[in-house]
């Protein structure tokens, strides 16, 4: 299973913006990279998430694509 690292950026009450930061091959690598992103972007507005996904079942909507 692969994992994606998502960055949520939101300033106060504004609409949040989500950015795909990276695709990782396993959870161990994803955790290491997540810690690195958190160290580099140590701001209240930036929150990072690890999300598991399966390439075989990934569907994109028109909104995302």
N, C-alpha and C. Protein backbone atom coordinates (compact mmCIF):
# COMPACT_ATOMS: atom_id res chain seq x y z
N UNK A 1 0.84 -1.17 0.00
CA UNK A 1 0.00 0.00 0.00
C UNK A 1 0.89 1.24 0.00
N UNK A 2 0.45 2.24 -0.71
CA UNK A 2 1.16 3.50 -0.76
C UNK A 2 0.48 4.51 0.18
N UNK A 3 1.23 5.54 0.49
CA UNK A 3 0.73 6.59 1.39
C UNK A 3 1.02 7.94 0.77
N UNK A 4 0.09 8.87 0.92
CA UNK A 4 0.33 10.22 0.44
C UNK A 4 0.41 11.17 1.63
N UNK A 5 1.24 12.18 1.47
CA UNK A 5 1.37 13.21 2.49
C UNK A 5 0.65 14.44 1.96
N UNK A 6 -0.33 14.88 2.71
CA UNK A 6 -1.16 16.02 2.35
C UNK A 6 -0.84 17.19 3.29
N UNK A 7 -0.73 18.37 2.71
CA UNK A 7 -0.52 19.58 3.50
C UNK A 7 -1.81 20.39 3.50
N UNK A 8 -2.32 20.66 4.70
CA UNK A 8 -3.49 21.54 4.84
C UNK A 8 -2.97 22.89 5.34
N UNK A 9 -3.22 23.93 4.56
CA UNK A 9 -2.83 25.27 4.96
C UNK A 9 -4.09 26.09 5.13
N UNK A 10 -4.21 26.71 6.32
CA UNK A 10 -5.39 27.53 6.59
C UNK A 10 -4.99 28.66 7.51
N UNK A 11 -5.26 29.88 7.07
CA UNK A 11 -4.97 31.05 7.88
C UNK A 11 -6.26 31.51 8.55
N UNK A 12 -6.26 31.44 9.86
CA UNK A 12 -7.41 31.82 10.69
C UNK A 12 -8.69 31.19 10.18
N UNK A 13 -9.67 32.00 9.77
CA UNK A 13 -10.98 31.48 9.35
C UNK A 13 -11.12 31.38 7.83
N UNK A 14 -10.02 31.47 7.10
CA UNK A 14 -10.10 31.38 5.65
C UNK A 14 -10.36 29.94 5.21
N UNK A 15 -10.71 29.78 3.95
CA UNK A 15 -10.96 28.45 3.39
C UNK A 15 -9.64 27.67 3.33
N UNK A 16 -9.61 26.42 3.81
CA UNK A 16 -8.35 25.65 3.79
C UNK A 16 -7.94 25.27 2.37
N UNK A 17 -6.64 25.19 2.16
CA UNK A 17 -6.08 24.74 0.89
C UNK A 17 -5.31 23.45 1.14
N UNK A 18 -5.53 22.46 0.31
CA UNK A 18 -4.89 21.17 0.45
C UNK A 18 -3.92 20.96 -0.71
N UNK A 19 -2.72 20.47 -0.38
CA UNK A 19 -1.70 20.23 -1.39
C UNK A 19 -1.11 18.84 -1.19
N UNK A 20 -1.00 18.10 -2.28
CA UNK A 20 -0.33 16.82 -2.24
C UNK A 20 1.16 17.08 -2.22
N UNK A 21 1.82 16.66 -1.14
CA UNK A 21 3.25 16.91 -1.01
C UNK A 21 4.08 15.77 -1.60
N UNK A 22 3.68 14.53 -1.34
CA UNK A 22 4.51 13.42 -1.77
C UNK A 22 3.75 12.09 -1.69
N UNK A 23 4.17 11.15 -2.54
CA UNK A 23 3.66 9.78 -2.50
C UNK A 23 4.79 8.91 -1.98
N UNK A 24 4.52 8.10 -0.96
CA UNK A 24 5.54 7.24 -0.34
C UNK A 24 5.16 5.78 -0.53
N UNK A 25 6.19 4.96 -0.65
CA UNK A 25 5.98 3.54 -0.90
C UNK A 25 5.53 2.76 0.34
N UNK A 26 5.90 3.23 1.54
CA UNK A 26 5.49 2.52 2.75
C UNK A 26 5.32 3.50 3.91
N UNK A 27 4.75 3.02 4.99
CA UNK A 27 4.43 3.88 6.13
C UNK A 27 5.67 4.39 6.85
N UNK A 28 6.70 3.60 6.91
CA UNK A 28 7.94 4.03 7.59
C UNK A 28 8.54 5.26 6.89
N UNK A 29 8.62 5.23 5.58
CA UNK A 29 9.15 6.37 4.83
C UNK A 29 8.22 7.57 4.98
N UNK A 30 6.92 7.32 4.93
CA UNK A 30 5.95 8.41 5.07
C UNK A 30 6.09 9.10 6.42
N UNK A 31 6.27 8.34 7.50
CA UNK A 31 6.44 8.94 8.82
C UNK A 31 7.71 9.79 8.90
N UNK A 32 8.80 9.31 8.31
CA UNK A 32 10.05 10.07 8.32
C UNK A 32 9.91 11.37 7.55
N UNK A 33 9.27 11.31 6.40
CA UNK A 33 9.10 12.51 5.58
C UNK A 33 8.12 13.47 6.23
N UNK A 34 7.10 12.94 6.89
CA UNK A 34 6.15 13.78 7.61
C UNK A 34 6.86 14.59 8.69
N UNK A 35 7.74 13.95 9.45
CA UNK A 35 8.50 14.64 10.49
C UNK A 35 9.37 15.72 9.89
N UNK A 36 9.98 15.45 8.75
CA UNK A 36 10.82 16.45 8.08
C UNK A 36 9.99 17.65 7.63
N UNK A 37 8.83 17.39 7.03
CA UNK A 37 7.95 18.49 6.61
C UNK A 37 7.53 19.33 7.82
N UNK A 38 7.21 18.67 8.92
CA UNK A 38 6.79 19.40 10.13
C UNK A 38 7.92 20.25 10.68
N UNK A 39 9.16 19.76 10.62
CA UNK A 39 10.30 20.55 11.10
C UNK A 39 10.56 21.76 10.20
N UNK A 40 10.43 21.57 8.90
CA UNK A 40 10.69 22.65 7.95
C UNK A 40 9.58 23.69 7.93
N UNK A 41 8.37 23.28 8.19
CA UNK A 41 7.21 24.18 8.13
C UNK A 41 6.54 24.28 9.49
N UNK A 42 7.28 24.69 10.45
CA UNK A 42 6.78 24.75 11.82
C UNK A 42 5.93 26.01 12.03
N UNK A 43 4.78 26.05 11.37
CA UNK A 43 3.87 27.19 11.51
C UNK A 43 2.49 26.66 11.85
N UNK A 44 1.76 27.45 12.58
CA UNK A 44 0.42 27.05 13.02
C UNK A 44 -0.52 26.79 11.84
N UNK A 45 -0.30 27.49 10.72
CA UNK A 45 -1.20 27.37 9.57
C UNK A 45 -1.00 26.07 8.79
N UNK A 46 0.15 25.42 8.95
CA UNK A 46 0.46 24.20 8.20
C UNK A 46 0.21 22.96 9.05
N UNK A 47 -0.61 22.06 8.53
CA UNK A 47 -0.85 20.77 9.17
C UNK A 47 -0.63 19.70 8.11
N UNK A 48 0.10 18.66 8.46
CA UNK A 48 0.39 17.59 7.51
C UNK A 48 -0.31 16.31 7.95
N UNK A 49 -0.77 15.55 6.95
CA UNK A 49 -1.47 14.29 7.19
C UNK A 49 -0.87 13.19 6.32
N UNK A 50 -0.89 11.97 6.84
CA UNK A 50 -0.56 10.80 6.04
C UNK A 50 -1.87 10.08 5.75
N UNK A 51 -2.10 9.81 4.47
CA UNK A 51 -3.34 9.17 4.05
C UNK A 51 -2.99 7.92 3.23
N UNK A 52 -3.45 6.73 3.65
CA UNK A 52 -3.19 5.53 2.86
C UNK A 52 -4.09 5.51 1.62
N UNK A 53 -3.55 4.97 0.54
CA UNK A 53 -4.39 4.81 -0.64
C UNK A 53 -3.91 3.63 -1.48
N UNK A 54 -4.83 3.10 -2.22
CA UNK A 54 -4.57 1.97 -3.11
C UNK A 54 -4.72 2.48 -4.53
N UNK A 55 -3.68 2.37 -5.33
CA UNK A 55 -3.71 2.89 -6.70
C UNK A 55 -4.81 2.25 -7.54
N UNK A 56 -5.14 1.01 -7.25
CA UNK A 56 -6.15 0.30 -8.04
C UNK A 56 -7.55 0.86 -7.83
N UNK A 57 -7.79 1.47 -6.69
CA UNK A 57 -9.13 1.97 -6.40
C UNK A 57 -9.21 3.49 -6.36
N UNK A 58 -8.14 4.16 -6.76
CA UNK A 58 -8.11 5.62 -6.73
C UNK A 58 -8.98 6.17 -7.86
N UNK A 59 -9.98 6.96 -7.50
CA UNK A 59 -10.86 7.60 -8.47
C UNK A 59 -10.75 9.10 -8.32
N UNK A 60 -10.62 9.79 -9.42
CA UNK A 60 -10.55 11.24 -9.38
C UNK A 60 -11.86 11.81 -9.90
N UNK A 61 -12.36 12.80 -9.19
CA UNK A 61 -13.55 13.47 -9.67
C UNK A 61 -13.12 14.61 -10.59
N UNK A 62 -14.06 15.17 -11.26
CA UNK A 62 -13.75 16.29 -12.15
C UNK A 62 -13.18 17.46 -11.35
N UNK A 63 -13.66 17.65 -10.13
CA UNK A 63 -13.20 18.72 -9.26
C UNK A 63 -11.70 18.59 -8.94
N UNK A 64 -11.26 17.36 -8.65
CA UNK A 64 -9.87 17.12 -8.30
C UNK A 64 -8.98 17.15 -9.52
N UNK A 65 -9.42 16.55 -10.61
CA UNK A 65 -8.61 16.47 -11.82
C UNK A 65 -8.52 17.85 -12.42
